Amino acid sequence: MLGQPPESVRGQAAACLAQSAGRDTVDKLQTASCLLTAAVARRLDSSHAHALCTLALTLAKRELAILAPVQAAAEGRLDGLAAALADESVPNVRHVAITILTYHLHLLGTLSGGDAAAAIVAEVWPS
């Protein structure tokens, strides 16, 4: 069974989120999720990429009930995310975003191996 992501992955997720384009944290997470899913699809295939995104969201939902109505679309978009977080504080929205992205990165590293995951992350966030 997959354990809790290490704190280092959470830090990496925060850095990746900060580097993603968007006018606010929800937009940044949408960008990050779509770019990461597209990069995984190029390396593997689109069904595996969608499954990885869906599983990351499912794991985050175990911790964060507010995500219950959110669904992962095939290209990595998180449908219903903005509505689910509309009344949340900025720090809570950031926590939710980092949690989702942390699981996405942790699963990527677990399933594809550290070197392959690092290459995909470097492709999406080169700096």
Protein backbone atom coordinates (compact mmCIF):
# COMPACT_ATOMS: atom_id res chain seq x y z
CA MET A 1 0.00 0.00 0.00
CA LEU A 2 1.14 3.53 -0.75
CA GLY A 3 2.23 5.42 2.34
CA GLN A 4 2.11 9.11 3.10
CA PRO A 5 4.26 11.18 0.75
CA PRO A 6 7.54 12.34 2.29
CA GLU A 7 7.76 15.98 3.32
CA SER A 8 10.33 16.51 0.54
CA VAL A 9 7.65 15.69 -2.05
CA ARG A 10 5.31 18.19 -0.42
CA GLY A 11 8.05 20.82 -0.73
CA GLN A 12 8.57 19.89 -4.37
CA ALA A 13 4.82 20.19 -4.96
CA ALA A 14 4.79 23.67 -3.40
CA ALA A 15 7.69 24.74 -5.62
CA CYS A 16 6.03 23.33 -8.76
CA LEU A 17 2.76 25.05 -7.87
CA ALA A 18 4.57 28.36 -7.44
CA GLN A 19 6.16 27.98 -10.89
CA SER A 20 2.85 27.22 -12.61
CA ALA A 21 1.00 29.88 -14.57
CA GLY A 22 -2.30 31.16 -13.27
CA ARG A 23 -4.02 34.17 -11.74
CA ASP A 24 -4.67 32.38 -8.43
CA THR A 25 -3.91 29.11 -6.68
CA VAL A 26 -6.81 27.22 -8.27
CA ASP A 27 -5.67 28.27 -11.76
CA LYS A 28 -2.08 27.35 -10.92
CA LEU A 29 -3.18 23.89 -9.78
CA GLN A 30 -5.25 23.41 -12.94
CA THR A 31 -2.22 24.36 -15.03
CA ALA A 32 0.09 22.08 -13.05
CA SER A 33 -2.32 19.14 -13.23
CA CYS A 34 -2.87 19.50 -16.97
CA LEU A 35 0.83 19.92 -17.77
CA LEU A 36 1.86 17.00 -15.57
CA THR A 37 -0.86 14.77 -17.04
CA ALA A 38 0.19 15.72 -20.58
CA ALA A 39 3.84 14.96 -19.83
CA VAL A 40 2.94 11.55 -18.38
CA ALA A 41 0.75 10.86 -21.42
CA ARG A 42 3.68 11.58 -23.74
CA ARG A 43 5.88 9.13 -21.80
CA LEU A 44 3.29 6.41 -21.23
CA ASP A 45 -0.16 6.93 -22.70
CA SER A 46 -3.22 9.03 -22.01
CA SER A 47 -5.14 6.35 -20.11
CA HIS A 48 -2.26 5.85 -17.67
CA ALA A 49 -1.89 9.61 -17.27
CA HIS A 50 -5.59 10.01 -16.51
CA ALA A 51 -5.48 7.09 -14.06
CA LEU A 52 -2.53 8.67 -12.23
CA CYS A 53 -4.34 12.02 -11.97
CA THR A 54 -7.54 10.33 -10.79
CA LEU A 55 -5.71 8.29 -8.15
CA ALA A 56 -3.88 11.39 -6.87
CA LEU A 57 -7.21 13.18 -6.50
CA THR A 58 -8.76 10.13 -4.81
CA LEU A 59 -5.96 10.00 -2.25
CA ALA A 60 -6.34 13.72 -1.57
CA LYS A 61 -10.10 13.22 -1.12
CA ARG A 62 -9.38 10.78 1.72
CA GLU A 63 -7.85 13.69 3.64
CA LEU A 64 -9.96 16.55 2.38
CA ALA A 65 -13.72 16.00 2.27
CA ILE A 66 -14.17 19.34 0.51
CA LEU A 67 -12.86 17.66 -2.65
CA ALA A 68 -15.75 15.16 -2.82
CA PRO A 69 -17.46 16.78 -5.85
CA VAL A 70 -14.21 17.26 -7.81
CA GLN A 71 -13.49 14.91 -10.73
CA ALA A 72 -10.36 14.43 -12.83
CA ALA A 73 -10.93 14.95 -16.54
CA ALA A 74 -8.91 13.01 -19.11
CA GLU A 75 -6.49 15.87 -19.79
CA GLY A 76 -5.84 16.46 -16.08
CA ARG A 77 -8.29 19.29 -15.48
CA LEU A 78 -9.94 19.07 -12.07
CA ASP A 79 -13.62 19.65 -12.80
CA GLY A 80 -15.53 21.29 -9.97
CA LEU A 81 -12.39 22.46 -8.15
CA ALA A 82 -13.13 26.19 -8.29
CA ALA A 83 -16.68 25.68 -7.03
CA ALA A 84 -15.56 23.35 -4.24
CA LEU A 85 -13.01 25.89 -3.01
CA ALA A 86 -14.97 29.10 -3.67
CA ASP A 87 -15.64 29.87 0.00
CA GLU A 88 -12.30 28.69 1.36
CA SER A 89 -9.55 30.94 2.69
CA VAL A 90 -6.44 31.53 0.59
CA PRO A 91 -4.25 29.44 2.97
CA ASN A 92 -6.72 26.55 2.85
CA VAL A 93 -6.92 26.67 -0.95
CA ARG A 94 -3.12 26.55 -1.06
CA HIS A 95 -3.09 23.57 1.33
CA VAL A 96 -5.60 21.71 -0.85
CA ALA A 97 -3.65 22.48 -4.02
CA ILE A 98 -0.35 21.35 -2.55
CA THR A 99 -1.96 18.18 -1.19
CA ILE A 100 -3.33 17.17 -4.60
CA LEU A 101 -0.07 17.95 -6.39
CA THR A 102 1.93 16.15 -3.67
CA TYR A 103 -0.02 12.95 -4.28
CA HIS A 104 0.37 13.34 -8.03
CA LEU A 105 4.16 13.68 -7.74
CA HIS A 106 4.42 10.90 -5.14
CA LEU A 107 2.48 8.47 -7.30
CA LEU A 108 4.54 9.42 -10.34
CA GLY A 109 7.75 8.69 -8.46
CA THR A 110 6.40 5.46 -6.98
CA LEU A 111 5.05 4.08 -10.25
CA SER A 112 7.70 5.24 -12.72
CA GLY A 113 10.80 5.42 -10.54
CA GLY A 114 12.75 8.38 -9.28
CA ASP A 115 14.78 9.09 -12.43
CA ALA A 116 11.81 8.93 -14.78
CA ALA A 117 9.72 11.07 -12.43
CA ALA A 118 12.51 13.63 -12.14
CA ALA A 119 12.75 13.82 -15.95
CA ILE A 120 9.00 14.41 -16.26
CA VAL A 121 9.05 17.08 -13.56
CA ALA A 122 12.02 18.77 -15.23
CA GLU A 123 10.13 18.71 -18.53
CA VAL A 124 7.11 20.44 -16.99
CA TRP A 125 9.00 22.79 -14.66
CA PRO A 126 12.47 23.30 -16.21
CA SER A 127 13.73 25.86 -13.71
